[in-house]
N, C-alpha and C. Protein backbone atom coordinates (compact mmCIF):
# COMPACT_ATOMS: atom_id res chain seq x y z
N MET A 1 139.96 35.01 33.51
CA MET A 1 140.66 35.65 32.38
C MET A 1 140.90 34.57 31.31
N LYS A 2 140.44 35.00 30.15
CA LYS A 2 140.57 34.05 28.97
C LYS A 2 142.01 34.05 28.44
N ALA A 3 142.41 32.97 27.73
CA ALA A 3 143.68 32.98 27.20
C ALA A 3 144.01 34.10 26.15
N SER A 4 142.93 34.47 25.47
CA SER A 4 143.14 35.57 24.45
C SER A 4 143.46 36.94 25.13
N GLU A 5 142.85 37.11 26.40
CA GLU A 5 143.09 38.29 27.10
C GLU A 5 144.52 38.24 27.67
N ILE A 6 144.99 37.10 28.08
CA ILE A 6 146.36 36.91 28.59
C ILE A 6 147.36 37.11 27.49
N ARG A 7 147.16 36.64 26.29
CA ARG A 7 148.06 36.81 25.16
C ARG A 7 148.18 38.20 24.77
N ALA A 8 147.23 39.15 25.13
CA ALA A 8 147.38 40.49 24.87
C ALA A 8 148.38 41.27 25.83
N LEU A 9 148.64 40.60 26.96
CA LEU A 9 149.50 41.17 27.86
C LEU A 9 150.99 40.97 27.58
N SER A 10 151.86 41.80 28.07
CA SER A 10 153.30 41.65 27.92
C SER A 10 153.67 40.50 28.89
N SER A 11 154.92 39.95 28.53
CA SER A 11 155.46 38.82 29.30
C SER A 11 155.69 39.30 30.80
N GLU A 12 156.08 40.55 30.97
CA GLU A 12 156.34 41.06 32.31
C GLU A 12 155.06 41.13 33.08
N GLU A 13 154.03 41.58 32.36
CA GLU A 13 152.72 41.73 33.11
C GLU A 13 152.21 40.30 33.52
N ILE A 14 152.39 39.38 32.60
CA ILE A 14 152.05 37.93 32.89
C ILE A 14 152.74 37.47 34.13
N ARG A 15 154.13 37.74 34.20
CA ARG A 15 154.81 37.28 35.31
C ARG A 15 154.37 37.96 36.68
N THR A 16 154.01 39.23 36.57
CA THR A 16 153.49 39.94 37.77
C THR A 16 152.16 39.28 38.13
N ASN A 17 151.33 39.00 37.18
CA ASN A 17 150.07 38.34 37.45
C ASN A 17 150.22 36.87 38.01
N VAL A 18 151.24 36.13 37.64
CA VAL A 18 151.60 34.88 38.21
C VAL A 18 151.84 35.06 39.66
N ASP A 19 152.72 35.95 40.03
CA ASP A 19 153.12 36.23 41.45
C ASP A 19 151.89 36.58 42.24
N ASP A 20 150.93 37.44 41.73
CA ASP A 20 149.77 37.79 42.42
C ASP A 20 148.91 36.55 42.60
N ALA A 21 148.68 35.83 41.62
CA ALA A 21 147.87 34.58 41.60
C ALA A 21 148.43 33.53 42.67
N LYS A 22 149.73 33.40 42.65
CA LYS A 22 150.31 32.45 43.66
C LYS A 22 150.13 32.98 45.05
N GLU A 23 150.17 34.22 45.27
CA GLU A 23 149.92 34.82 46.64
C GLU A 23 148.45 34.56 47.03
N GLU A 24 147.56 34.76 46.01
CA GLU A 24 146.16 34.54 46.27
C GLU A 24 145.90 33.09 46.57
N LEU A 25 146.59 32.13 45.84
CA LEU A 25 146.44 30.73 46.12
C LEU A 25 146.86 30.40 47.50
N MET A 26 147.95 30.94 47.98
CA MET A 26 148.40 30.79 49.23
C MET A 26 147.46 31.14 50.33
N ASN A 27 146.92 32.35 50.11
CA ASN A 27 145.89 32.86 51.06
C ASN A 27 144.65 32.03 51.14
N LEU A 28 144.26 31.51 49.93
CA LEU A 28 143.14 30.60 49.81
C LEU A 28 143.38 29.30 50.53
N ARG A 29 144.55 28.83 50.46
CA ARG A 29 144.93 27.50 51.28
C ARG A 29 144.85 27.80 52.64
N PHE A 30 145.39 28.92 53.16
CA PHE A 30 145.25 29.29 54.55
C PHE A 30 143.78 29.32 54.96
N GLN A 31 142.92 29.99 54.21
CA GLN A 31 141.56 30.08 54.57
C GLN A 31 140.98 28.65 54.61
N LEU A 32 141.39 27.91 53.71
CA LEU A 32 140.78 26.47 53.72
C LEU A 32 141.20 25.74 54.94
N ALA A 33 142.47 25.89 55.37
CA ALA A 33 142.92 25.14 56.52
C ALA A 33 142.26 25.65 57.84
N THR A 34 141.94 26.95 57.83
CA THR A 34 141.25 27.53 59.02
C THR A 34 139.77 27.45 59.08
N GLY A 35 139.18 27.00 57.96
CA GLY A 35 137.83 26.82 57.84
C GLY A 35 137.02 28.11 57.47
N GLU A 36 137.67 29.10 57.02
CA GLU A 36 137.18 30.36 56.68
C GLU A 36 136.68 30.38 55.12
N LEU A 37 137.18 29.54 54.36
CA LEU A 37 137.00 29.56 52.91
C LEU A 37 135.53 29.09 52.69
N THR A 38 134.75 29.99 51.93
CA THR A 38 133.37 29.55 51.69
C THR A 38 133.18 29.11 50.23
N ASP A 39 133.98 29.74 49.32
CA ASP A 39 133.86 29.38 47.95
C ASP A 39 135.05 28.55 47.47
N HIS A 40 134.87 27.25 47.51
CA HIS A 40 136.01 26.34 47.21
C HIS A 40 136.35 26.32 45.71
N THR A 41 135.54 26.80 44.85
CA THR A 41 135.81 26.86 43.41
C THR A 41 136.96 27.79 43.16
N ARG A 42 137.14 28.84 44.03
CA ARG A 42 138.23 29.71 43.78
C ARG A 42 139.62 29.06 43.76
N LEU A 43 139.73 27.98 44.52
CA LEU A 43 141.04 27.32 44.57
C LEU A 43 141.32 26.76 43.12
N SER A 44 140.40 26.00 42.58
CA SER A 44 140.67 25.44 41.27
C SER A 44 140.80 26.45 40.20
N TYR A 45 139.95 27.53 40.28
CA TYR A 45 140.06 28.58 39.32
C TYR A 45 141.41 29.18 39.34
N THR A 46 141.95 29.46 40.54
CA THR A 46 143.23 30.15 40.65
C THR A 46 144.32 29.18 40.15
N ARG A 47 144.31 27.86 40.42
CA ARG A 47 145.28 26.94 39.84
C ARG A 47 145.28 26.96 38.34
N GLN A 48 144.00 26.97 37.77
CA GLN A 48 143.85 26.97 36.35
C GLN A 48 144.42 28.24 35.76
N LEU A 49 144.26 29.31 36.38
CA LEU A 49 144.70 30.65 35.83
C LEU A 49 146.28 30.60 35.91
N ILE A 50 146.84 30.20 36.85
CA ILE A 50 148.25 30.03 36.93
C ILE A 50 148.83 29.17 35.81
N ALA A 51 148.09 28.07 35.60
CA ALA A 51 148.56 27.15 34.54
C ALA A 51 148.44 27.88 33.18
N ARG A 52 147.42 28.61 32.94
CA ARG A 52 147.20 29.37 31.72
C ARG A 52 148.32 30.39 31.55
N TYR A 53 148.79 31.04 32.53
CA TYR A 53 149.80 31.98 32.53
C TYR A 53 151.06 31.32 32.16
N TYR A 54 151.45 30.15 32.72
CA TYR A 54 152.60 29.43 32.43
C TYR A 54 152.50 28.84 31.02
N THR A 55 151.49 28.41 30.52
CA THR A 55 151.38 27.86 29.19
C THR A 55 151.68 28.92 28.11
N ILE A 56 151.11 30.16 28.37
CA ILE A 56 151.38 31.13 27.39
C ILE A 56 152.80 31.68 27.49
N LEU A 57 153.41 31.67 28.59
CA LEU A 57 154.78 32.11 28.69
C LEU A 57 155.61 31.05 27.98
N ASN A 58 155.30 29.80 28.16
CA ASN A 58 156.08 28.78 27.53
C ASN A 58 155.96 28.85 26.01
N GLU A 59 154.77 29.09 25.49
CA GLU A 59 154.53 29.27 24.11
C GLU A 59 155.42 30.44 23.59
N ARG A 60 155.45 31.48 24.20
CA ARG A 60 156.35 32.61 23.76
C ARG A 60 157.81 32.24 23.72
N GLU A 61 158.27 31.40 24.79
CA GLU A 61 159.69 31.06 24.80
C GLU A 61 159.93 30.16 23.58
N ILE A 62 159.05 29.25 23.35
CA ILE A 62 159.28 28.37 22.16
C ILE A 62 159.23 29.10 20.86
N GLU A 63 158.40 30.11 20.70
CA GLU A 63 158.36 30.99 19.55
C GLU A 63 159.70 31.71 19.40
N GLU A 64 160.18 32.33 20.46
CA GLU A 64 161.49 32.99 20.45
C GLU A 64 162.60 32.07 20.02
N GLU A 65 162.60 30.82 20.50
CA GLU A 65 163.70 29.87 20.17
C GLU A 65 163.61 29.56 18.64
N LEU A 66 162.40 29.35 18.15
CA LEU A 66 162.17 28.98 16.77
C LEU A 66 162.61 30.15 15.83
N GLU A 67 162.35 31.38 16.26
CA GLU A 67 162.73 32.64 15.48
C GLU A 67 164.28 32.80 15.55
N GLY A 68 164.90 32.42 16.57
CA GLY A 68 166.38 32.62 16.68
C GLY A 68 167.06 31.61 15.86
N GLU A 69 166.51 30.40 15.50
CA GLU A 69 167.07 29.43 14.72
C GLU A 69 167.06 29.80 13.26
N GLU A 70 166.14 30.55 12.86
CA GLU A 70 165.95 30.93 11.47
C GLU A 70 166.94 31.94 10.95
């Protein structure tokens, strides 16, 4: 998912997606530990996706703080 697509979502939808991605990451780690994981790139993709979600949420929080000061 691209950053522009994530920005189109509401903050609540992003938080829900973060929870889902964290759960997926946990499942991927279990698959890696048991030797069932065949596509190792999914691990890094999921970590990057979580980071994108948090980055955009942080940007929104900073914007809200700046608007509150004005």
